Amino acid sequence: MLASATEDSERVNLYLHPEDKSMLDFAKMNDRADNNSRFRAMVAVYRSNKRFRALVDKYAQTAPRGGTGA
């Protein structure tokens, strides 16, 4: 994972479905990794694993957009 000082970091906001948030909260209860750490880990895998990146990119292209009710 790339380390970044707070003053050098870029903040990202996102909306999650309540079930996705619950899944992340459950994972945090089990392993005590906070959501920031979990998302940084997912980005690290995205950066280093071409198959994971291709799968994520495919889902991203077809994922429903927030606020549309879809």
C-alpha atoms as a PDB file:
ATOM      1  CA  MET A   1       0.000   0.000   0.000  1.00  0.00           C
ATOM      2  CA  LEU A   2       1.151   3.489  -0.696  1.00  0.00           C
ATOM      3  CA  ALA A   3       1.569   5.562   2.443  1.00  0.00           C
ATOM      4  CA  SER A   4       0.453   9.167   2.335  1.00  0.00           C
ATOM      5  CA  ALA A   5       0.637  11.929   4.898  1.00  0.00           C
ATOM      6  CA  THR A   6      -2.717  13.537   5.629  1.00  0.00           C
ATOM      7  CA  GLU A   7      -1.690  16.846   4.059  1.00  0.00           C
ATOM      8  CA  ASP A   8      -0.688  15.018   0.835  1.00  0.00           C
ATOM      9  CA  SER A   9      -3.774  12.816   0.660  1.00  0.00           C
ATOM     10  CA  GLU A  10      -6.823  13.138  -1.546  1.00  0.00           C
ATOM     11  CA  ARG A  11     -10.193  12.555   0.113  1.00  0.00           C
ATOM     12  CA  VAL A  12     -12.762  10.349  -1.619  1.00  0.00           C
ATOM     13  CA  ASN A  13     -16.437  10.289  -0.673  1.00  0.00           C
ATOM     14  CA  LEU A  14     -18.863   7.614  -1.747  1.00  0.00           C
ATOM     15  CA  TYR A  15     -22.372   6.450  -1.070  1.00  0.00           C
ATOM     16  CA  LEU A  16     -22.928   2.813  -0.153  1.00  0.00           C
ATOM     17  CA  HIS A  17     -26.018   0.659  -0.138  1.00  0.00           C
ATOM     18  CA  PRO A  18     -27.021  -0.057   3.490  1.00  0.00           C
ATOM     19  CA  GLU A  19     -26.243  -3.769   2.978  1.00  0.00           C
ATOM     20  CA  ASP A  20     -22.724  -2.932   1.777  1.00  0.00           C
ATOM     21  CA  LYS A  21     -22.175  -0.692   4.813  1.00  0.00           C
ATOM     22  CA  SER A  22     -23.443  -3.473   7.095  1.00  0.00           C
ATOM     23  CA  MET A  23     -21.055  -5.941   5.438  1.00  0.00           C
ATOM     24  CA  LEU A  24     -18.121  -3.585   6.053  1.00  0.00           C
ATOM     25  CA  ASP A  25     -19.204  -2.988   9.655  1.00  0.00           C
ATOM     26  CA  PHE A  26     -19.441  -6.750  10.219  1.00  0.00           C
ATOM     27  CA  ALA A  27     -15.953  -7.249   8.778  1.00  0.00           C
ATOM     28  CA  LYS A  28     -14.633  -4.498  11.068  1.00  0.00           C
ATOM     29  CA  MET A  29     -16.204  -6.233  14.063  1.00  0.00           C
ATOM     30  CA  ASN A  30     -14.410  -9.447  13.116  1.00  0.00           C
ATOM     31  CA  ASP A  31     -10.940  -8.143  12.292  1.00  0.00           C
ATOM     32  CA  ARG A  32     -10.886  -4.571  13.675  1.00  0.00           C
ATOM     33  CA  ALA A  33      -9.667  -3.145  10.358  1.00  0.00           C
ATOM     34  CA  ASP A  34     -11.386   0.209   9.835  1.00  0.00           C
ATOM     35  CA  ASN A  35     -13.027   1.129   6.549  1.00  0.00           C
ATOM     36  CA  ASN A  36     -10.173   3.448   5.543  1.00  0.00           C
ATOM     37  CA  SER A  37      -7.673   0.607   5.907  1.00  0.00           C
ATOM     38  CA  ARG A  38      -9.968  -1.801   4.081  1.00  0.00           C
ATOM     39  CA  PHE A  39     -10.465   0.586   1.143  1.00  0.00           C
ATOM     40  CA  ARG A  40      -6.725   1.335   0.953  1.00  0.00           C
ATOM     41  CA  ALA A  41      -6.104  -2.425   0.871  1.00  0.00           C
ATOM     42  CA  MET A  42      -8.647  -2.844  -1.942  1.00  0.00           C
ATOM     43  CA  VAL A  43      -6.937  -0.064  -3.908  1.00  0.00           C
ATOM     44  CA  ALA A  44      -3.563  -1.763  -3.337  1.00  0.00           C
ATOM     45  CA  VAL A  45      -4.956  -5.011  -4.764  1.00  0.00           C
ATOM     46  CA  TYR A  46      -6.470  -3.047  -7.663  1.00  0.00           C
ATOM     47  CA  ARG A  47      -3.061  -1.504  -8.389  1.00  0.00           C
ATOM     48  CA  SER A  48      -1.149  -4.789  -8.249  1.00  0.00           C
ATOM     49  CA  ASN A  49      -3.524  -7.444  -9.616  1.00  0.00           C
ATOM     50  CA  LYS A  50      -4.509  -7.111 -13.280  1.00  0.00           C
ATOM     51  CA  ARG A  51      -7.268  -9.728 -13.060  1.00  0.00           C
ATOM     52  CA  PHE A  52      -8.838  -8.015 -10.030  1.00  0.00           C
ATOM     53  CA  ARG A  53      -8.535  -4.645 -11.776  1.00  0.00           C
ATOM     54  CA  ALA A  54     -10.231  -5.963 -14.932  1.00  0.00           C
ATOM     55  CA  LEU A  55     -13.073  -7.441 -12.887  1.00  0.00           C
ATOM     56  CA  VAL A  56     -13.572  -4.222 -10.909  1.00  0.00           C
ATOM     57  CA  ASP A  57     -13.463  -2.124 -14.074  1.00  0.00           C
ATOM     58  CA  LYS A  58     -16.065  -4.384 -15.712  1.00  0.00           C
ATOM     59  CA  TYR A  59     -18.396  -4.058 -12.708  1.00  0.00           C
ATOM     60  CA  ALA A  60     -17.804  -0.302 -12.543  1.00  0.00           C
ATOM     61  CA  GLN A  61     -18.892   0.149 -16.153  1.00  0.00           C
ATOM     62  CA  THR A  62     -22.218  -1.585 -15.530  1.00  0.00           C
ATOM     63  CA  ALA A  63     -22.885  -0.639 -11.897  1.00  0.00           C
ATOM     64  CA  PRO A  64     -26.040   1.333 -11.115  1.00  0.00           C
ATOM     65  CA  ARG A  65     -25.338   4.987 -10.358  1.00  0.00           C
ATOM     66  CA  GLY A  66     -26.249   6.401  -6.962  1.00  0.00           C
ATOM     67  CA  GLY A  67     -29.405   8.412  -6.572  1.00  0.00           C
ATOM     68  CA  THR A  68     -31.218   6.842  -9.520  1.00  0.00           C
ATOM     69  CA  GLY A  69     -33.160   4.305  -7.528  1.00  0.00           C
ATOM     70  CA  ALA A  70     -31.627   1.566  -9.674  1.00  0.00           C
END
